[in-house]
């Protein structure tokens, strides 16, 4: 049963379905699989070398870590600093733009704390129903 919630978002019925959500691009960018763990780690531990990030997020492959860091650098969420020494050293740091996502992540964390049991119950009801088989 859906809650009776309204939002102050103007509805344009002539909008193409792909363009209907004004934050779709942001959601894709910020909430892709590895962006949030990388940003959280940089926010929590500060400037880090690639291998430090890899140690703190072991489930991500080096290839995917490199791709995500490049994309986040392109989007302005992290800065990459190359140190020309032997051996070369590269460090990553969250930017001010990336830090401004912290309240959003905090709100999502609070939502998760308040609602995750309900989500898990709904999943279990669905999985137990004949409809899911």
Protein backbone atom coordinates (compact mmCIF):
# COMPACT_ATOMS: atom_id res chain seq x y z
CA UNK A 1 0.00 0.00 0.00
CA UNK A 2 1.62 3.25 -1.12
CA UNK A 3 1.89 6.15 1.28
CA UNK A 4 0.02 9.32 0.40
CA UNK A 5 3.08 11.49 -0.19
CA UNK A 6 3.28 14.50 -2.45
CA UNK A 7 6.36 16.32 -3.65
CA UNK A 8 6.74 19.83 -4.94
CA UNK A 9 7.83 18.67 -8.38
CA UNK A 10 5.99 20.03 -11.40
CA UNK A 11 4.63 17.27 -13.64
CA UNK A 12 5.04 17.67 -17.39
CA UNK A 13 3.14 14.87 -19.07
CA UNK A 14 4.90 15.57 -22.40
CA UNK A 15 8.31 14.63 -21.00
CA UNK A 16 9.93 11.50 -22.41
CA UNK A 17 10.08 8.77 -19.73
CA UNK A 18 13.91 8.76 -19.77
CA UNK A 19 13.88 12.48 -18.95
CA UNK A 20 11.11 12.27 -16.33
CA UNK A 21 13.43 12.07 -13.32
CA UNK A 22 15.39 15.32 -12.99
CA UNK A 23 18.04 13.66 -10.83
CA UNK A 24 18.59 10.52 -12.90
CA UNK A 25 22.06 11.57 -14.07
CA UNK A 26 23.09 12.47 -10.53
CA UNK A 27 21.84 9.15 -9.15
CA UNK A 28 23.76 7.27 -11.86
CA UNK A 29 26.91 9.25 -11.11
CA UNK A 30 26.85 9.30 -7.31
CA UNK A 31 25.29 5.94 -6.53
CA UNK A 32 27.08 3.70 -8.96
CA UNK A 33 28.34 0.50 -7.34
CA UNK A 34 31.75 1.69 -6.12
CA UNK A 35 31.45 5.48 -5.91
CA UNK A 36 29.97 5.62 -2.43
CA UNK A 37 32.49 3.24 -0.78
CA UNK A 38 35.39 5.12 -2.36
CA UNK A 39 34.04 8.55 -1.37
CA UNK A 40 33.20 7.33 2.13
CA UNK A 41 36.72 5.92 2.55
CA UNK A 42 38.38 9.12 1.31
CA UNK A 43 36.11 11.20 3.54
CA UNK A 44 36.81 9.03 6.57
CA UNK A 45 40.57 8.46 6.16
CA UNK A 46 41.64 11.45 4.07
CA UNK A 47 44.21 11.48 1.28
CA UNK A 48 45.25 7.98 0.27
CA UNK A 49 47.39 6.12 -2.19
CA UNK A 50 45.74 3.67 -4.56
CA UNK A 51 47.03 0.65 -2.61
CA UNK A 52 45.58 2.07 0.63
CA UNK A 53 42.17 2.42 -0.99
CA UNK A 54 42.50 -1.09 -2.37
CA UNK A 55 43.27 -2.45 1.10
CA UNK A 56 40.28 -0.68 2.63
CA UNK A 57 37.89 -1.78 -0.14
CA UNK A 58 39.18 -5.27 -1.00
CA UNK A 59 36.06 -6.37 -2.92
CA UNK A 60 36.79 -3.96 -5.78
CA UNK A 61 39.22 -5.06 -8.48
CA UNK A 62 42.16 -2.80 -9.35
CA UNK A 63 40.75 -2.30 -12.86
CA UNK A 64 37.35 -1.18 -11.58
CA UNK A 65 38.95 0.97 -8.86
CA UNK A 66 40.98 2.75 -11.54
CA UNK A 67 37.90 3.28 -13.72
CA UNK A 68 35.82 4.65 -10.82
CA UNK A 69 38.60 6.96 -9.62
CA UNK A 70 39.04 8.35 -13.15
CA UNK A 71 35.30 8.93 -13.48
CA UNK A 72 35.11 10.58 -10.05
CA UNK A 73 38.09 12.78 -10.94
CA UNK A 74 36.33 13.74 -14.18
CA UNK A 75 33.12 14.52 -12.24
CA UNK A 76 35.03 16.63 -9.72
CA UNK A 77 34.54 14.39 -6.66
CA UNK A 78 38.21 13.49 -6.19
CA UNK A 79 41.56 14.97 -7.07
CA UNK A 80 44.51 12.88 -8.16
CA UNK A 81 48.01 14.01 -7.32
CA UNK A 82 50.94 12.46 -9.11
CA UNK A 83 54.34 12.60 -7.39
CA UNK A 84 57.25 12.12 -9.79
CA UNK A 85 59.55 10.11 -7.60
CA UNK A 86 61.02 6.63 -7.72
CA UNK A 87 58.80 4.71 -7.56
CA UNK A 88 56.08 7.12 -8.71
CA UNK A 89 53.37 7.80 -6.16
CA UNK A 90 49.74 8.74 -6.82
CA UNK A 91 47.38 9.96 -4.12
CA UNK A 92 43.65 10.59 -4.16
CA UNK A 93 41.66 13.00 -2.06
CA UNK A 94 37.99 13.90 -1.85
CA UNK A 95 37.16 17.40 -3.10
CA UNK A 96 34.88 20.00 -1.56
CA UNK A 97 32.24 18.95 -4.09
CA UNK A 98 32.58 15.34 -2.92
CA UNK A 99 32.39 16.43 0.72
CA UNK A 100 29.11 18.21 0.05
CA UNK A 101 27.57 14.77 -0.57
CA UNK A 102 28.13 13.85 3.12
CA UNK A 103 24.71 15.14 4.33
CA UNK A 104 22.98 13.17 1.58
CA UNK A 105 24.83 10.00 2.55
CA UNK A 106 24.03 10.67 6.23
CA UNK A 107 20.33 11.04 5.38
CA UNK A 108 20.38 7.79 3.38
CA UNK A 109 22.12 6.06 6.27
CA UNK A 110 19.42 7.31 8.67
CA UNK A 111 16.72 6.15 6.24
CA UNK A 112 18.40 2.75 6.07
CA UNK A 113 18.55 2.46 9.85
CA UNK A 114 14.86 3.37 10.13
CA UNK A 115 13.53 1.31 7.21
CA UNK A 116 15.80 -1.61 6.36
CA UNK A 117 13.93 -4.09 8.57
CA UNK A 118 10.75 -3.25 6.65
CA UNK A 119 12.54 -3.75 3.33
CA UNK A 120 13.93 -7.11 4.48
CA UNK A 121 10.46 -8.18 5.68
CA UNK A 122 8.95 -7.21 2.31
CA UNK A 123 11.62 -9.21 0.49
CA UNK A 124 10.94 -12.23 2.65
CA UNK A 125 7.17 -12.00 2.06
CA UNK A 126 7.78 -11.73 -1.67
CA UNK A 127 10.26 -14.62 -1.73
CA UNK A 128 7.82 -16.79 0.27
CA UNK A 129 4.88 -16.02 -2.00
CA UNK A 130 3.91 -18.32 -4.90
CA UNK A 131 4.28 -15.30 -7.18
CA UNK A 132 8.08 -15.26 -6.81
CA UNK A 133 8.50 -18.85 -7.99
